[in-house]
Amino acid sequence: MLGNKVNILFVVSEFYQAGTERFTYELDRALNKNQFYVEILSIIPLNASSRFNDYYYKKHLELGSKVHFLNEINQLNSPSLKQKIEHRLVKKPYPDERLKIKSFFDKFDCISIMGEYNFKEIYKYIKEENKHKLLIHLQNSKYQVKDNYAFFPKNEYFHFVSGFHDNQIDFELSEFPSYKHTYYNLNLKFENEFVKTKYKSSTKPKIGIFTRLTPAKPLDPFIYSFQLVNEQLPDAEFHIFGSGDPINEGVYRYVEQLKLERSIYFRGHQENILKTAVEEELDLVWLHGYHGLPGGWVGFDISTARIPQLFWNFGNNTGEFHTFFPMFNSVSEFAKKSISLLSNPKEAKMLADEQYNYTDEHYNISKNIHVMEKLYHEISKISKLHKG
């Protein structure tokens, strides 16, 4: 029973194991279910991909959330016999053929569009009286997608939610003459199930990276850096975890050219990154960074396992992250810092602790979910006023 609970709809693309879907799941499991009831609308039906499974579908169901699919809701409204006769005799207009999906949104107090790219899929079905319910969660930026907001009517007023700070959001939303913005970043639950506890010098240090083998996530800076590490620490190993064929994706040729076949290992997709990182006893994790920020969830996840991380930065360096999440775009400096961490357990532990503490303070969802709960309550009050 809903009772006085705020009824929230999350609009997602699908349930694959990807960033936006993780963001939605973290929200769903952190919200106080004594105050909120969650339903989900998926744009793409189940089992639509031969490459990806619907990882988060069952996880949402286990939380008690109800799931809908666009192709089931978006059915044409066929006129009745009476309506056909009235149309023929007195030219009475037929009812809106999209009435079913337009009315679907009436029952919700808040509608969170998870990813600005999903906006165009549903906005045409949102009645005027329901537009105040919309929250648009930004998941990409103009740095990544130049025409990120091409489908938005710029003359309308929208409420955006993102991890962009005040000095970034003006540029990001410069196409909009007016808007509202709420700051809410990536947040995750601290499981504390898999945690590194031993920091020691090793004759065979292990570096790991968690990624996908794709041109969109270049690995050549890491491989060149590892060559320098390997010269100083000849028994060091570099384990590359992630889906994709290293030969077909053109990655293995770098390994062969540098004659590192005995030191670099391609380990494939890992179902549980933290479990793998701790049980493999990784001494250091390398990851991608973008414009001075850790690239996605993995860096924050690894922080909760207290394994030190270094980042190869694609873009400009900005912000305080550098103190806690060191970013590099020099192969020699990247390798030098890596060797230092691998050779000095106390230094490695100190960096791991700093990264854990920073993530706990800024990205622990139990400390930050109140931002979204307050926002949903505020919008719900407006929705109830609209309903009279």
Protein backbone atom coordinates (compact mmCIF):
# COMPACT_ATOMS: atom_id res chain seq x y z
CA MET A 1 0.00 0.00 0.00
CA LEU A 2 1.27 3.46 -0.89
CA GLY A 3 -0.43 5.32 1.94
CA ASN A 4 1.43 8.61 2.37
CA LYS A 5 4.56 7.40 0.60
CA VAL A 6 6.04 9.48 -2.20
CA ASN A 7 5.66 7.56 -5.46
CA ILE A 8 8.81 7.90 -7.58
CA LEU A 9 9.33 6.77 -11.17
CA PHE A 10 12.87 6.14 -12.43
CA VAL A 11 13.13 6.20 -16.23
CA VAL A 12 16.08 4.08 -17.41
CA SER A 13 17.38 2.87 -20.76
CA GLU A 14 17.80 -0.74 -19.65
CA PHE A 15 19.22 -2.83 -16.82
CA TYR A 16 22.74 -3.54 -18.08
CA GLN A 17 25.78 -3.43 -15.79
CA ALA A 18 26.67 0.17 -16.64
CA GLY A 19 27.14 3.49 -14.89
CA THR A 20 23.66 5.01 -15.04
CA GLU A 21 22.04 1.72 -14.13
CA ARG A 22 24.36 1.41 -11.12
CA PHE A 23 23.51 5.00 -10.13
CA THR A 24 19.79 4.16 -10.26
CA TYR A 25 20.22 0.98 -8.24
CA GLU A 26 22.22 2.76 -5.54
CA LEU A 27 19.42 5.32 -5.23
CA ASP A 28 16.72 2.65 -5.12
CA ARG A 29 18.35 0.66 -2.32
CA ALA A 30 19.28 3.73 -0.25
CA LEU A 31 15.89 5.48 -0.22
CA ASN A 32 13.86 5.07 2.97
CA LYS A 33 11.13 2.70 1.83
CA ASN A 34 8.93 3.78 4.75
CA GLN A 35 8.67 7.13 2.98
CA PHE A 36 9.15 6.29 -0.70
CA TYR A 37 7.75 3.79 -3.19
CA VAL A 38 9.78 3.21 -6.36
CA GLU A 39 8.64 2.15 -9.82
CA ILE A 40 10.86 1.89 -12.88
CA LEU A 41 10.15 2.43 -16.57
CA SER A 42 12.66 0.82 -18.93
CA ILE A 43 12.92 2.15 -22.49
CA ILE A 44 14.40 -1.10 -23.81
CA PRO A 45 12.73 -4.48 -23.17
CA LEU A 46 14.44 -7.40 -21.44
CA ASN A 47 16.84 -9.67 -23.35
CA ALA A 48 17.35 -7.09 -26.10
CA SER A 49 21.12 -7.57 -26.23
CA SER A 50 23.17 -10.62 -27.10
CA ARG A 51 26.22 -9.04 -25.39
CA PHE A 52 24.84 -7.73 -22.11
CA ASN A 53 22.51 -9.24 -19.55
CA ASP A 54 19.87 -7.34 -17.58
CA TYR A 55 21.99 -7.36 -14.45
CA TYR A 56 19.99 -4.87 -12.37
CA TYR A 57 16.50 -6.08 -13.28
CA LYS A 58 16.27 -8.74 -10.57
CA LYS A 59 18.12 -6.53 -8.12
CA HIS A 60 15.38 -3.89 -8.36
CA LEU A 61 12.69 -6.54 -7.99
CA GLU A 62 14.42 -7.81 -4.84
CA LEU A 63 14.12 -4.30 -3.43
CA GLY A 64 10.34 -4.42 -4.00
CA SER A 65 10.35 -1.97 -6.91
CA LYS A 66 7.79 -2.43 -9.67
CA VAL A 67 9.14 -2.52 -13.23
CA HIS A 68 7.37 -1.40 -16.42
CA PHE A 69 8.53 -1.49 -20.03
CA LEU A 70 7.83 1.23 -22.59
CA ASN A 71 6.64 -1.16 -25.29
CA GLU A 72 3.95 -2.48 -22.90
CA ILE A 73 2.76 0.95 -21.79
CA ASN A 74 3.01 2.75 -25.12
CA GLN A 75 0.01 1.11 -26.77
CA LEU A 76 -2.26 2.96 -29.19
CA ASN A 77 -5.65 3.90 -27.82
CA SER A 78 -8.23 2.55 -30.32
CA PRO A 79 -11.53 4.46 -30.56
CA SER A 80 -14.69 2.66 -29.45
CA LEU A 81 -17.63 2.05 -31.77
CA LYS A 82 -19.49 4.96 -30.16
CA GLN A 83 -16.54 7.27 -30.70
CA LYS A 84 -16.27 6.21 -34.34
CA ILE A 85 -19.96 6.96 -34.91
CA GLU A 86 -19.70 10.37 -33.18
CA HIS A 87 -16.66 11.18 -35.25
CA ARG A 88 -18.47 10.27 -38.47
CA LEU A 89 -21.75 12.04 -37.66
CA VAL A 90 -20.71 15.19 -35.79
CA LYS A 91 -16.97 15.26 -36.51
CA LYS A 92 -16.14 14.81 -32.83
CA PRO A 93 -12.37 14.31 -32.54
CA TYR A 94 -11.07 10.91 -31.63
CA PRO A 95 -9.44 10.59 -28.19
CA ASP A 96 -5.67 11.01 -28.11
CA GLU A 97 -4.23 7.75 -29.46
CA ARG A 98 -1.38 8.04 -26.94
CA LEU A 99 -3.69 8.59 -24.00
CA LYS A 100 -2.56 5.41 -22.24
CA ILE A 101 1.09 6.36 -21.90
CA LYS A 102 0.34 10.04 -21.21
CA SER A 103 -1.99 9.04 -18.38
CA PHE A 104 0.57 6.56 -17.03
CA PHE A 105 2.65 9.41 -15.61
CA ASP A 106 -0.29 10.97 -13.73
CA LYS A 107 0.03 8.75 -10.66
CA PHE A 108 3.64 9.61 -9.84
CA ASP A 109 4.73 12.37 -7.50
CA CYS A 110 8.22 12.60 -9.02
CA ILE A 111 9.72 11.40 -12.30
CA SER A 112 13.50 10.96 -12.36
CA ILE A 113 14.88 10.65 -15.89
CA MET A 114 18.11 8.70 -15.36
CA GLY A 115 20.34 10.09 -18.07
CA GLU A 116 19.64 13.14 -20.22
CA TYR A 117 19.69 10.87 -23.30
CA ASN A 118 16.40 9.30 -22.13
CA PHE A 119 14.66 12.68 -22.14
CA LYS A 120 13.66 12.54 -25.81
CA GLU A 121 12.12 9.09 -25.35
CA ILE A 122 9.42 10.21 -22.93
CA TYR A 123 9.12 14.01 -22.91
CA LYS A 124 6.64 13.97 -25.79
CA TYR A 125 4.29 11.96 -23.59
CA ILE A 126 4.48 14.23 -20.52
CA LYS A 127 1.36 16.35 -20.02
CA GLU A 128 1.82 20.01 -19.20
CA GLU A 129 0.48 19.47 -15.68
CA ASN A 130 3.11 16.76 -15.05
CA LYS A 131 6.21 18.67 -16.18
CA HIS A 132 6.93 20.01 -12.69
CA LYS A 133 7.55 16.39 -11.56
CA LEU A 134 10.59 15.97 -13.79
CA LEU A 135 14.15 15.64 -12.55
CA ILE A 136 16.78 15.12 -15.24
CA HIS A 137 19.90 13.34 -13.97
CA LEU A 138 22.88 14.23 -16.15
CA GLN A 139 25.16 11.29 -16.85
CA ASN A 140 27.28 12.64 -19.70
CA SER A 141 28.78 16.03 -20.42
CA LYS A 142 29.43 18.25 -23.42
CA TYR A 143 33.06 17.13 -23.18
CA GLN A 144 31.89 13.64 -24.13
CA VAL A 145 28.89 14.42 -26.34
CA LYS A 146 29.04 17.79 -28.09
CA ASP A 147 25.31 17.87 -28.87
CA ASN A 148 24.27 16.44 -25.51
CA TYR A 149 21.23 18.71 -25.20
CA ALA A 150 20.12 18.91 -28.83
CA PHE A 151 16.73 17.38 -28.07
CA PHE A 152 15.81 19.77 -25.25
CA PRO A 153 13.51 22.73 -25.93
CA LYS A 154 15.72 25.53 -24.64
CA ASN A 155 12.80 27.87 -23.94
CA GLU A 156 11.43 25.56 -21.22
CA TYR A 157 12.48 25.45 -17.58
CA PHE A 158 14.03 22.18 -16.34
CA HIS A 159 15.37 20.88 -13.05
CA PHE A 160 18.71 19.12 -13.54
CA VAL A 161 20.57 16.94 -11.03
CA SER A 162 24.28 16.25 -11.50
CA GLY A 163 27.75 16.02 -10.01
CA PHE A 164 28.82 19.24 -11.73
CA HIS A 165 29.96 21.94 -9.34
CA ASP A 166 28.89 25.59 -9.66
CA ASN A 167 32.00 26.50 -11.66
CA GLN A 168 31.21 23.70 -14.16
CA ILE A 169 27.44 23.75 -14.52
CA ASP A 170 27.31 27.20 -16.15
CA PHE A 171 29.36 25.89 -19.05
CA GLU A 172 27.57 22.54 -19.16
CA LEU A 173 24.09 24.12 -19.38
CA SER A 174 25.06 27.30 -21.23
CA GLU A 175 22.43 26.59 -23.91
CA PHE A 176 19.62 27.05 -21.38
CA PRO A 177 18.64 30.65 -20.50
CA SER A 178 17.14 29.48 -17.20
CA TYR A 179 17.07 26.23 -15.22
CA LYS A 180 17.35 24.81 -11.70
CA HIS A 181 20.26 22.63 -10.66
CA THR A 182 20.75 20.36 -7.65
CA TYR A 183 24.18 18.96 -6.88
CA TYR A 184 24.16 15.20 -6.25
CA ASN A 185 27.14 13.13 -7.30
CA LEU A 186 27.81 9.42 -7.72
CA ASN A 187 27.16 7.78 -4.36
CA LEU A 188 27.55 4.19 -3.29
CA LYS A 189 26.90 1.91 -0.36
CA PHE A 190 29.99 0.91 1.62
CA GLU A 191 29.81 -2.88 1.79
CA ASN A 192 33.14 -3.38 3.64
CA GLU A 193 33.03 -7.04 2.63
CA PHE A 194 36.28 -7.14 0.66
CA VAL A 195 39.08 -5.03 2.17
CA LYS A 196 42.84 -5.17 1.73
CA THR A 197 44.58 -5.57 5.10
CA LYS A 198 48.18 -6.46 4.20
CA TYR A 199 50.63 -3.99 2.67
CA LYS A 200 54.04 -5.49 2.10
CA SER A 201 56.99 -5.37 -0.24
CA SER A 202 56.81 -8.13 -2.80
CA THR A 203 59.32 -9.63 -5.18
CA LYS A 204 56.38 -10.11 -7.56
CA PRO A 205 54.17 -7.00 -7.23
CA LYS A 206 50.80 -7.07 -8.98
CA ILE A 207 49.17 -4.14 -10.73
CA GLY A 208 45.59 -4.43 -11.92
CA ILE A 209 43.25 -2.41 -14.12
CA PHE A 210 39.49 -2.85 -14.46
CA THR A 211 38.09 -1.65 -17.77
CA ARG A 212 36.61 -2.78 -21.08
CA LEU A 213 38.82 -3.54 -24.06
CA THR A 214 37.57 -0.88 -26.44
CA PRO A 215 39.10 2.06 -28.36
CA ALA A 216 37.01 4.36 -26.14
CA LYS A 217 39.20 3.30 -23.17
CA PRO A 218 42.80 3.36 -24.45
CA LEU A 219 45.26 1.06 -22.72
CA ASP A 220 48.48 2.03 -24.49
CA PRO A 221 49.55 4.64 -21.85
CA PHE A 222 49.26 1.96 -19.16
CA ILE A 223 51.21 -0.60 -21.18
CA TYR A 224 54.02 1.86 -21.96
CA SER A 225 54.10 2.85 -18.29
CA PHE A 226 54.30 -0.78 -17.27
CA GLN A 227 57.32 -1.24 -19.50
CA LEU A 228 59.16 1.32 -17.35
CA VAL A 229 57.93 -0.33 -14.15
CA ASN A 230 59.07 -3.69 -15.47
CA GLU A 231 62.58 -2.37 -16.11
CA GLN A 232 62.93 -1.50 -12.41
CA LEU A 233 60.83 -4.37 -11.04
CA PRO A 234 61.37 -7.21 -13.57
CA ASP A 235 59.05 -9.64 -11.77
CA ALA A 236 56.12 -7.20 -11.64
CA GLU A 237 52.84 -8.32 -13.23
CA PHE A 238 50.12 -6.29 -14.92
CA HIS A 239 46.66 -7.92 -14.87
CA ILE A 240 44.05 -6.44 -17.21
CA PHE A 241 40.50 -7.30 -16.11
CA GLY A 242 37.66 -6.60 -18.52
CA SER A 243 35.60 -7.96 -21.39
CA GLY A 244 36.85 -7.80 -24.95
CA ASP A 245 39.35 -9.61 -27.16
CA PRO A 246 42.85 -8.10 -26.79
CA ILE A 247 43.83 -9.18 -30.32
CA ASN A 248 40.69 -7.97 -32.08
CA GLU A 249 40.76 -4.70 -30.15
CA GLY A 250 44.38 -4.06 -31.13
CA VAL A 251 45.70 -4.09 -27.58
CA TYR A 252 47.90 -7.17 -27.73
CA ARG A 253 50.15 -5.71 -30.42
CA TYR A 254 51.49 -3.22 -27.84
CA VAL A 255 52.30 -6.13 -25.54
CA GLU A 256 54.13 -7.96 -28.33
CA GLN A 257 56.03 -4.88 -29.53
CA LEU A 258 57.34 -4.26 -26.02
CA LYS A 259 58.02 -7.99 -25.43
CA LEU A 260 55.88 -8.07 -22.29
CA GLU A 261 53.99 -11.29 -23.05
CA ARG A 262 55.27 -12.95 -19.85
CA SER A 263 54.30 -10.04 -17.61
CA ILE A 264 50.90 -8.84 -18.85
CA TYR A 265 47.82 -10.99 -18.38
CA PHE A 266 44.35 -10.52 -19.88
CA ARG A 267 41.88 -11.90 -17.34
CA GLY A 268 38.49 -11.15 -18.88
CA HIS A 269 35.28 -9.83 -17.29
CA GLN A 270 34.98 -9.99 -13.50
CA GLU A 271 31.55 -10.34 -11.94
CA ASN A 272 32.68 -8.88 -8.61
CA ILE A 273 35.47 -6.32 -8.96
CA LEU A 274 36.14 -5.89 -5.24
CA LYS A 275 36.28 -9.63 -4.61
CA THR A 276 38.74 -10.04 -7.47
CA ALA A 277 40.91 -7.10 -6.43
CA VAL A 278 41.28 -8.31 -2.83
CA GLU A 279 41.56 -12.05 -3.49
CA GLU A 280 44.12 -11.45 -6.25
CA GLU A 281 46.11 -9.47 -3.67
CA LEU A 282 46.62 -6.54 -6.02
CA ASP A 283 49.23 -4.10 -4.72
CA LEU A 284 48.16 -1.22 -6.95
CA VAL A 285 45.25 -0.41 -9.27
CA TRP A 286 45.57 1.76 -12.38
CA LEU A 287 42.46 3.39 -13.81
CA HIS A 288 41.31 5.92 -16.39
CA GLY A 289 40.70 9.49 -15.31
CA TYR A 290 38.88 12.18 -17.27
CA HIS A 291 39.47 15.91 -16.76
CA GLY A 292 40.94 15.30 -13.33
CA LEU A 293 38.16 12.99 -12.11
CA PRO A 294 38.12 9.20 -11.63
CA GLY A 295 36.36 7.66 -14.61
CA GLY A 296 33.14 6.20 -13.27
CA TRP A 297 32.37 3.93 -10.34
CA VAL A 298 35.40 1.64 -10.26
CA GLY A 299 37.72 4.12 -8.59
CA PHE A 300 35.33 4.77 -5.74
CA ASP A 301 34.59 1.05 -5.40
CA ILE A 302 38.28 0.25 -5.20
CA SER A 303 38.68 2.97 -2.56
CA THR A 304 36.31 1.06 -0.27
CA ALA A 305 38.65 -1.95 -0.57
CA ARG A 306 41.62 0.18 0.58
CA ILE A 307 43.79 -0.60 -2.44
CA PRO A 308 45.89 2.39 -3.63
CA GLN A 309 45.07 3.77 -7.07
CA LEU A 310 46.74 5.93 -9.68
CA PHE A 311 45.01 7.42 -12.73
CA TRP A 312 46.02 8.18 -16.28
CA ASN A 313 44.25 11.46 -16.97
CA PHE A 314 42.57 12.13 -20.32
CA GLY A 315 41.97 15.89 -20.34
CA ASN A 316 42.84 18.81 -18.11
CA ASN A 317 43.70 18.57 -14.42
CA THR A 318 41.23 20.35 -12.16
CA GLY A 319 40.03 20.22 -8.57
CA GLU A 320 41.09 18.74 -5.26
CA PHE A 321 40.98 15.14 -6.48
CA HIS A 322 44.67 15.25 -7.30
CA THR A 323 45.62 15.19 -3.64
CA PHE A 324 43.75 11.95 -3.07
CA PHE A 325 43.47 10.44 -6.55
CA PRO A 326 46.77 11.25 -8.30
CA MET A 327 46.36 11.95 -12.02
CA PHE A 328 49.13 11.68 -14.61
CA ASN A 329 49.64 12.28 -18.31
CA SER A 330 53.37 11.58 -18.33
CA VAL A 331 54.44 7.96 -18.76
CA SER A 332 57.68 8.48 -16.85
CA GLU A 333 55.98 10.22 -13.89
CA PHE A 334 53.21 7.65 -13.82
CA ALA A 335 55.73 4.80 -13.72
CA LYS A 336 57.91 6.58 -11.13
CA LYS A 337 55.00 7.01 -8.71
CA SER A 338 53.89 3.42 -9.29
CA ILE A 339 57.37 2.08 -8.49
CA SER A 340 57.45 4.18 -5.34
CA LEU A 341 54.13 2.78 -4.11
CA LEU A 342 55.08 -0.80 -4.97
CA SER A 343 58.38 -0.44 -3.12
CA ASN A 344 57.07 1.34 -0.02
CA PRO A 345 54.17 -0.39 1.78
CA LYS A 346 53.72 2.51 4.24
CA GLU A 347 53.31 4.98 1.37
CA ALA A 348 50.87 2.62 -0.35
CA LYS A 349 48.78 2.22 2.80
CA MET A 350 48.76 5.96 3.43
CA LEU A 351 47.40 6.67 -0.07
CA ALA A 352 44.83 3.87 0.23
CA ASP A 353 43.62 5.26 3.56
CA GLU A 354 43.37 8.79 2.16
CA GLN A 355 41.34 7.54 -0.80
CA TYR A 356 39.06 5.52 1.47
CA ASN A 357 38.47 8.44 3.83
CA TYR A 358 37.79 10.90 1.01
CA THR A 359 35.32 8.54 -0.65
CA ASP A 360 33.62 7.85 2.68
CA GLU A 361 33.21 11.55 3.36
CA HIS A 362 31.99 12.60 -0.09
CA TYR A 363 30.49 9.52 -1.77
CA ASN A 364 29.00 7.35 0.97
CA ILE A 365 25.33 7.24 0.06
CA SER A 366 24.20 6.76 3.65
CA LYS A 367 25.59 10.24 4.33
CA ASN A 368 24.18 11.89 1.20
CA ILE A 369 20.86 10.25 0.33
CA HIS A 370 19.09 12.94 2.38
CA VAL A 371 19.72 15.35 -0.53
CA MET A 372 17.52 13.32 -2.89
CA GLU A 373 14.97 12.43 -0.22
CA LYS A 374 14.45 16.11 0.60
CA LEU A 375 14.14 16.94 -3.10
CA TYR A 376 11.56 14.20 -3.71
CA HIS A 377 9.51 15.40 -0.73
CA GLU A 378 9.57 18.98 -2.04
CA ILE A 379 8.39 17.95 -5.51
CA SER A 380 5.77 15.66 -3.99
CA LYS A 381 4.24 18.60 -2.11
CA ILE A 382 3.93 20.52 -5.38
CA SER A 383 2.36 17.47 -7.06
CA LYS A 384 -0.24 17.17 -4.31
CA LEU A 385 -1.13 20.86 -4.74
CA HIS A 386 -1.62 20.26 -8.47
CA LYS A 387 -3.95 17.37 -7.71
CA GLY A 388 -5.96 19.65 -5.44
